[in-house]
Structure formats: C-alpha cells, structure tokens
Amino acid sequence: MKPLVYHTHGLAWLLVVLFSLSTAQGQSAGSGPITNIRVELDSERVKVLYDAVGITSRDSIYLLVESQSRGLLNVVTVTGDLGLSVVPGKNKTIYWDYRLDGLRIDDGIQVSIRLKRPYQRLALGGGPAYALLSVVAPGIGNIFVQPNHKVGLRPLLTGAYAGLLIYGLVQNARSNRAYDEYVVLLNDSDYAEANRLNHYYLAATWTAVALLLTDVTYTFLKGRKNEKQKQFAQTGVVMAYAGTIPSIGFQFRF
C-alpha cells in the first residue's frame, strides 16, 4: 500500500492508512447478499473488496463514498465488479480512481456498497382497493391481492356466501308466509313454524355477513401490505454496508 505524502512550507505530513475495517453491522450481518467489505486506499485509487451471495444478473451493484469533511463524493471513474451481471462469489473487487476524478483523499472516508434489485411486478398482488370487489363478491377481490393472482379455493367462498344469502332469503320468505297464516288462523303451529324459519334466516344471513367482513378485512390488509412492499422494492436498496477507513497522521520536520 502506497503512503500519501503532503508537503506544506517545509512541513511534511505522512498519512498512513494502517488498516481497513468494515463497520460492526457489516461484520455481523453474514446473511445478506453483500458481506465482508474491505477497503484499501493508496495515492491514486480506492480498492473495495466484498463477498456476494445470492445475487442475480439483473441485480445492480453500485458504490457510494462519503468524506468526513466534504460529504458525499462524486464517484465517476469506477471499474470492476459493479453494475449489472455481477456473478456471485468471494473477493469481488471495485476500483475507484479518485485522482482521475480530480479529487484527493486527505481525511477519513466511508464506503457503501448498495444492491439495487428490479421491481418484480408479478411477485406481489394488487392493492387495498380490491377490497371493494370483495364487498360485491367475497373471495374474488382476494384473488387479485395474491401473488400472480392465485385463484386456489377462493371461488368456493364466493359460492358459500351466495348460497347462504339465497338460503336465508328463502327461509325468510317462508317464515313470512307462515306468520301470515298464523295471523289469519291464529294457529300456534304456524307461529312456531314462522319462528323456526326466522332463526334459519338469521343464522344464514349472519354467517354470510361474517364471511363478507372477514374477506373484505383480509383483502384490505393484504393489499396494504402489497402496496408497502412495492414502495420498498421501487426504492431499490435492499442491503447496504459501510466501511470506515481510520487513519493516523505523523508529523515530520525537515
């Protein structure tokens, strides 16, 4: 590693980079796609090594460098294992020729490697608006919030809801006829029949309402979750590690 030497009015400062460390997060997070970041610095360029696991050719890797005193630096002349089509493996290398970018590094810097993944449209279902469709037809709106609009057994819910409503309406009509007969004939058996049929009506319709509310609630919550995941996917950043370069200055007089 080459030392950085600066001369000012007979005073020379030798900036020696003793070692490069990943942050505590980078050292402990061994399960992410980007791990084991190491940074080396000389008088011409920055060398960044890292391990990549579980990445695909559609993932894009890019480099960010932040100076302690100047903030985010304009990284232009970069080569190596970044951008698209980086294959998984260990000791991936990125070079940043900061001298060619007209910059110098005379203080500590922080290096971040970020992984941007494309938005997978079919990986998630629709949003919470599909809950309105479930109000009309329970089970149908639920299909559209599933990944790839998976159907499964959800149409059976629609059929059960419709069947319970129809059954309840039929029992209600029969109950009303039995009660009308009771009013005319004052027959206790007609009153008991009307009461029995009314219980069937209430049980069927309340079960249908419970199915409706359950499906609408689930569809709405699932849709909201999908929406949040889509917003996160569109930001692109799924993993970021930062490496800090500590430095020690030595003063020499000539």
Foldseek 3Di string as FASTA:
>chain_A
DAWDWDDDPQKIKTWDQPAWDWDPVQAPPPPDQWHDWGWDDHFFKIKIWIFGDPDAQQKFKDKWKAFPPPGTDDFDDKDWQGGGHRDGGGGGMMMTGVVVVVDGHDGKMKMKMWIFHAQDPQQFFAALVLLVVLLVFNLCSLQRGHRNSDRPCSVVLSVLLVVLQVLLVVLQVQLVVLVVVCVVVVDVVSPVSSVVSNVSNVVSNVVSVVSSVVRSVVSNVSRNVRVVVSVVNVVGTDDMIMMMGDIDMDIDGD
